[in-house]
Amino acid sequence: MAGNWASENNEIVKGYFQDNFPDFILLEETAHGPFWGVRYMKNNITINIKGDIGFYIEIIIDGDLYNLWKYDRSVTNYQKTSNKNILFQLSVLQSFLQ
């Protein structure tokens, strides 16, 4: 059950990337027990999304780490893993990348 839930979270992210960031390449996917996550890359930008009951997004540009919550503090209100919160954080990521 938990593995399916983790996979479903990854599918939400992968669908969002396919629709909004088609140039990013999926490098890694994790769905083991409650743990889920994906890693994408495009040129010098790596996006890590990792979680279990809560989750976070980190951006690495030219080796420098940027946590999404530092860019937009409202993300801290959307850290519990849910479809709504995943999509909210991905929309903030989209703003960050533009």
N, C-alpha and C. Protein backbone atom coordinates (compact mmCIF):
# COMPACT_ATOMS: atom_id res chain seq x y z
N MET A 1 0.81 -1.20 0.00
CA MET A 1 0.00 0.00 0.00
C MET A 1 0.85 1.26 0.00
N ALA A 2 1.79 1.35 0.95
CA ALA A 2 2.62 2.55 1.03
C ALA A 2 3.43 2.74 -0.25
N GLY A 3 3.88 1.64 -0.86
CA GLY A 3 4.63 1.73 -2.11
C GLY A 3 3.79 2.34 -3.22
N ASN A 4 2.52 1.96 -3.28
CA ASN A 4 1.61 2.54 -4.27
C ASN A 4 1.44 4.03 -4.04
N TRP A 5 1.27 4.42 -2.78
CA TRP A 5 1.11 5.82 -2.42
C TRP A 5 2.36 6.60 -2.85
N ALA A 6 3.53 6.06 -2.58
CA ALA A 6 4.78 6.71 -2.97
C ALA A 6 4.85 6.84 -4.49
N SER A 7 4.49 5.79 -5.20
CA SER A 7 4.51 5.83 -6.67
C SER A 7 3.53 6.86 -7.21
N GLU A 8 2.36 6.97 -6.58
CA GLU A 8 1.36 7.95 -7.01
C GLU A 8 1.90 9.38 -6.86
N ASN A 9 2.62 9.63 -5.78
CA ASN A 9 3.23 10.96 -5.60
C ASN A 9 4.22 11.25 -6.71
N ASN A 10 5.04 10.26 -7.04
CA ASN A 10 6.00 10.43 -8.14
C ASN A 10 5.28 10.69 -9.45
N GLU A 11 4.17 10.01 -9.68
CA GLU A 11 3.42 10.19 -10.93
C GLU A 11 2.88 11.61 -11.05
N ILE A 12 2.45 12.19 -9.95
CA ILE A 12 1.99 13.59 -9.96
C ILE A 12 3.13 14.50 -10.43
N VAL A 13 4.30 14.30 -9.84
CA VAL A 13 5.47 15.12 -10.20
C VAL A 13 5.86 14.89 -11.65
N LYS A 14 5.92 13.63 -12.06
CA LYS A 14 6.34 13.32 -13.43
C LYS A 14 5.35 13.90 -14.45
N GLY A 15 4.07 13.84 -14.15
CA GLY A 15 3.09 14.44 -15.05
C GLY A 15 3.26 15.94 -15.15
N TYR A 16 3.54 16.59 -14.02
CA TYR A 16 3.75 18.04 -14.01
C TYR A 16 4.98 18.40 -14.82
N PHE A 17 6.05 17.64 -14.64
CA PHE A 17 7.27 17.91 -15.40
C PHE A 17 7.03 17.70 -16.90
N GLN A 18 6.32 16.65 -17.25
CA GLN A 18 6.04 16.38 -18.65
C GLN A 18 5.27 17.54 -19.29
N ASP A 19 4.31 18.10 -18.54
CA ASP A 19 3.48 19.19 -19.06
C ASP A 19 4.18 20.55 -19.03
N ASN A 20 5.01 20.79 -18.01
CA ASN A 20 5.55 22.13 -17.79
C ASN A 20 7.06 22.26 -17.98
N PHE A 21 7.79 21.18 -17.83
CA PHE A 21 9.24 21.20 -17.95
C PHE A 21 9.70 20.07 -18.86
N PRO A 22 9.23 20.01 -20.10
CA PRO A 22 9.54 18.85 -20.95
C PRO A 22 11.02 18.70 -21.28
N ASP A 23 11.81 19.75 -21.10
CA ASP A 23 13.24 19.68 -21.40
C ASP A 23 14.04 18.99 -20.29
N PHE A 24 13.43 18.83 -19.12
CA PHE A 24 14.13 18.18 -18.02
C PHE A 24 14.08 16.67 -18.21
N ILE A 25 15.18 16.01 -17.86
CA ILE A 25 15.31 14.56 -18.00
C ILE A 25 15.20 13.92 -16.61
N LEU A 26 14.37 12.90 -16.50
CA LEU A 26 14.24 12.15 -15.26
C LEU A 26 15.49 11.29 -15.07
N LEU A 27 16.22 11.54 -13.99
CA LEU A 27 17.45 10.79 -13.71
C LEU A 27 17.23 9.64 -12.75
N GLU A 28 16.32 9.85 -11.79
CA GLU A 28 16.16 8.87 -10.73
C GLU A 28 14.76 8.97 -10.16
N GLU A 29 14.24 7.82 -9.75
CA GLU A 29 12.92 7.76 -9.11
C GLU A 29 12.99 6.78 -7.95
N THR A 30 12.44 7.18 -6.81
CA THR A 30 12.43 6.34 -5.62
C THR A 30 10.99 6.18 -5.15
N ALA A 31 10.59 4.97 -4.87
CA ALA A 31 9.30 4.68 -4.25
C ALA A 31 9.47 3.41 -3.44
N HIS A 32 9.85 3.58 -2.19
CA HIS A 32 10.14 2.44 -1.32
C HIS A 32 9.48 2.70 0.03
N GLY A 33 8.47 1.91 0.35
CA GLY A 33 7.74 2.15 1.59
C GLY A 33 7.10 3.52 1.52
N PRO A 34 7.24 4.30 2.58
CA PRO A 34 6.65 5.64 2.55
C PRO A 34 7.53 6.66 1.82
N PHE A 35 8.73 6.27 1.44
CA PHE A 35 9.67 7.21 0.84
C PHE A 35 9.44 7.32 -0.66
N TRP A 36 9.44 8.53 -1.15
CA TRP A 36 9.24 8.77 -2.57
C TRP A 36 10.12 9.92 -2.99
N GLY A 37 10.38 10.01 -4.29
CA GLY A 37 11.18 11.12 -4.77
C GLY A 37 11.59 10.94 -6.21
N VAL A 38 11.96 12.05 -6.80
CA VAL A 38 12.46 12.07 -8.17
C VAL A 38 13.61 13.05 -8.27
N ARG A 39 14.45 12.83 -9.26
CA ARG A 39 15.55 13.76 -9.56
C ARG A 39 15.51 14.02 -11.06
N TYR A 40 15.48 15.31 -11.40
CA TYR A 40 15.47 15.74 -12.80
C TYR A 40 16.69 16.60 -13.06
N MET A 41 17.08 16.66 -14.34
CA MET A 41 18.21 17.50 -14.71
C MET A 41 18.00 18.10 -16.09
N LYS A 42 18.48 19.32 -16.22
CA LYS A 42 18.54 20.02 -17.51
C LYS A 42 19.76 20.93 -17.46
N ASN A 43 20.70 20.67 -18.34
CA ASN A 43 21.95 21.45 -18.39
C ASN A 43 22.60 21.51 -17.02
N ASN A 44 22.71 22.68 -16.43
CA ASN A 44 23.40 22.85 -15.14
C ASN A 44 22.43 22.89 -13.96
N ILE A 45 21.16 22.49 -14.16
CA ILE A 45 20.14 22.55 -13.12
C ILE A 45 19.68 21.14 -12.78
N THR A 46 19.73 20.82 -11.48
CA THR A 46 19.20 19.56 -10.97
C THR A 46 18.08 19.89 -9.99
N ILE A 47 16.97 19.17 -10.11
CA ILE A 47 15.83 19.34 -9.20
C ILE A 47 15.66 18.04 -8.44
N ASN A 48 15.71 18.11 -7.11
CA ASN A 48 15.46 16.96 -6.25
C ASN A 48 14.15 17.19 -5.50
N ILE A 49 13.27 16.23 -5.57
CA ILE A 49 12.03 16.27 -4.81
C ILE A 49 12.01 14.99 -4.00
N LYS A 50 11.97 15.13 -2.67
CA LYS A 50 12.09 13.98 -1.79
C LYS A 50 11.06 14.09 -0.67
N GLY A 51 10.54 12.93 -0.28
CA GLY A 51 9.61 13.00 0.82
C GLY A 51 9.16 11.66 1.35
N ASP A 52 8.34 11.75 2.37
CA ASP A 52 7.57 10.65 2.93
C ASP A 52 6.25 11.29 3.34
N ILE A 53 5.97 11.43 4.63
CA ILE A 53 4.74 12.10 5.04
C ILE A 53 4.82 13.61 4.75
N GLY A 54 6.03 14.13 4.73
CA GLY A 54 6.31 15.50 4.33
C GLY A 54 7.29 15.46 3.17
N PHE A 55 7.47 16.58 2.48
CA PHE A 55 8.38 16.57 1.33
C PHE A 55 8.97 17.95 1.12
N TYR A 56 10.00 18.01 0.29
CA TYR A 56 10.64 19.28 -0.04
C TYR A 56 11.22 19.21 -1.44
N ILE A 57 11.46 20.39 -1.98
CA ILE A 57 12.07 20.53 -3.30
C ILE A 57 13.36 21.32 -3.14
N GLU A 58 14.44 20.79 -3.70
CA GLU A 58 15.69 21.54 -3.72
C GLU A 58 16.16 21.66 -5.16
N ILE A 59 16.78 22.81 -5.45
CA ILE A 59 17.27 23.11 -6.78
C ILE A 59 18.78 23.28 -6.66
N ILE A 60 19.52 22.63 -7.55
CA ILE A 60 20.98 22.79 -7.57
C ILE A 60 21.33 23.39 -8.93
N ILE A 61 21.93 24.57 -8.88
CA ILE A 61 22.33 25.29 -10.09
C ILE A 61 23.83 25.51 -10.02
N ASP A 62 24.55 24.97 -10.99
CA ASP A 62 26.02 25.08 -11.01
C ASP A 62 26.63 24.65 -9.68
N GLY A 63 26.07 23.63 -9.05
CA GLY A 63 26.60 23.11 -7.80
C GLY A 63 26.13 23.84 -6.56
N ASP A 64 25.40 24.94 -6.71
CA ASP A 64 24.89 25.69 -5.56
C ASP A 64 23.48 25.24 -5.23
N LEU A 65 23.22 24.95 -3.95
CA LEU A 65 21.94 24.44 -3.50
C LEU A 65 20.99 25.59 -3.15
N TYR A 66 19.77 25.51 -3.66
CA TYR A 66 18.70 26.46 -3.35
C TYR A 66 17.50 25.65 -2.88
N ASN A 67 17.10 25.86 -1.64
CA ASN A 67 15.89 25.22 -1.14
C ASN A 67 14.70 26.08 -1.52
N LEU A 68 13.65 25.44 -2.01
CA LEU A 68 12.49 26.18 -2.52
C LEU A 68 11.87 27.05 -1.43
N TRP A 69 11.86 26.59 -0.19
CA TRP A 69 11.24 27.37 0.88
C TRP A 69 11.98 28.68 1.14
N LYS A 70 13.25 28.75 0.79
CA LYS A 70 13.99 30.01 0.95
C LYS A 70 13.59 31.02 -0.11
N TYR A 71 13.17 30.54 -1.27
CA TYR A 71 12.71 31.41 -2.36
C TYR A 71 11.32 31.94 -2.05
N ASP A 72 10.45 31.09 -1.52
CA ASP A 72 9.07 31.47 -1.21
C ASP A 72 8.68 30.79 0.09
N ARG A 73 8.63 31.57 1.17
CA ARG A 73 8.37 31.03 2.51
C ARG A 73 6.98 30.39 2.63
N SER A 74 6.05 30.73 1.74
CA SER A 74 4.71 30.13 1.82
C SER A 74 4.77 28.62 1.63
N VAL A 75 5.84 28.12 1.03
CA VAL A 75 6.01 26.68 0.81
C VAL A 75 5.98 25.93 2.14
N THR A 76 6.42 26.58 3.22
CA THR A 76 6.44 25.89 4.52
C THR A 76 5.04 25.50 4.98
N ASN A 77 4.01 26.14 4.46
CA ASN A 77 2.63 25.77 4.79
C ASN A 77 2.12 24.62 3.94
N TYR A 78 2.93 24.14 3.00
CA TYR A 78 2.53 23.10 2.05
C TYR A 78 3.54 21.96 2.02
N GLN A 79 4.07 21.60 3.18
CA GLN A 79 5.10 20.57 3.24
C GLN A 79 4.58 19.18 3.51
N LYS A 80 3.35 19.06 3.97
CA LYS A 80 2.77 17.73 4.18
C LYS A 80 2.42 17.14 2.81
N THR A 81 2.78 15.89 2.60
CA THR A 81 2.56 15.26 1.31
C THR A 81 1.07 15.08 1.03
N SER A 82 0.60 15.77 0.00
CA SER A 82 -0.76 15.61 -0.53
C SER A 82 -0.71 16.08 -1.98
N ASN A 83 -1.68 15.67 -2.76
CA ASN A 83 -1.72 16.09 -4.16
C ASN A 83 -1.72 17.61 -4.26
N LYS A 84 -2.56 18.26 -3.47
CA LYS A 84 -2.67 19.73 -3.49
C LYS A 84 -1.33 20.38 -3.16
N ASN A 85 -0.66 19.88 -2.13
CA ASN A 85 0.60 20.49 -1.70
C ASN A 85 1.72 20.23 -2.69
N ILE A 86 1.75 19.06 -3.29
CA ILE A 86 2.76 18.77 -4.31
C ILE A 86 2.58 19.74 -5.48
N LEU A 87 1.35 19.89 -5.94
CA LEU A 87 1.09 20.80 -7.08
C LEU A 87 1.39 22.24 -6.72
N PHE A 88 1.11 22.64 -5.47
CA PHE A 88 1.43 24.01 -5.06
C PHE A 88 2.93 24.25 -5.12
N GLN A 89 3.70 23.33 -4.53
CA GLN A 89 5.15 23.52 -4.53
C GLN A 89 5.72 23.49 -5.95
N LEU A 90 5.16 22.64 -6.80
CA LEU A 90 5.62 22.62 -8.19
C LEU A 90 5.31 23.93 -8.91
N SER A 91 4.21 24.57 -8.58
CA SER A 91 3.91 25.88 -9.20
C SER A 91 4.89 26.94 -8.72
N VAL A 92 5.33 26.85 -7.45
CA VAL A 92 6.35 27.77 -6.95
C VAL A 92 7.68 27.48 -7.65
N LEU A 93 7.99 26.21 -7.84
CA LEU A 93 9.20 25.85 -8.58
C LEU A 93 9.17 26.43 -9.98
N GLN A 94 8.01 26.39 -10.62
CA GLN A 94 7.87 26.94 -11.96
C GLN A 94 8.17 28.44 -11.94
N SER A 95 7.69 29.15 -10.94
CA SER A 95 8.00 30.59 -10.82
C SER A 95 9.49 30.81 -10.62
N PHE A 96 10.11 29.97 -9.81
CA PHE A 96 11.54 30.09 -9.55
C PHE A 96 12.35 29.92 -10.83
N LEU A 97 11.95 28.97 -11.66
CA LEU A 97 12.72 28.65 -12.86
C LEU A 97 12.50 29.63 -14.00
N GLN A 98 11.49 30.47 -13.92
CA GLN A 98 11.21 31.41 -15.03
C GLN A 98 12.08 32.63 -14.96
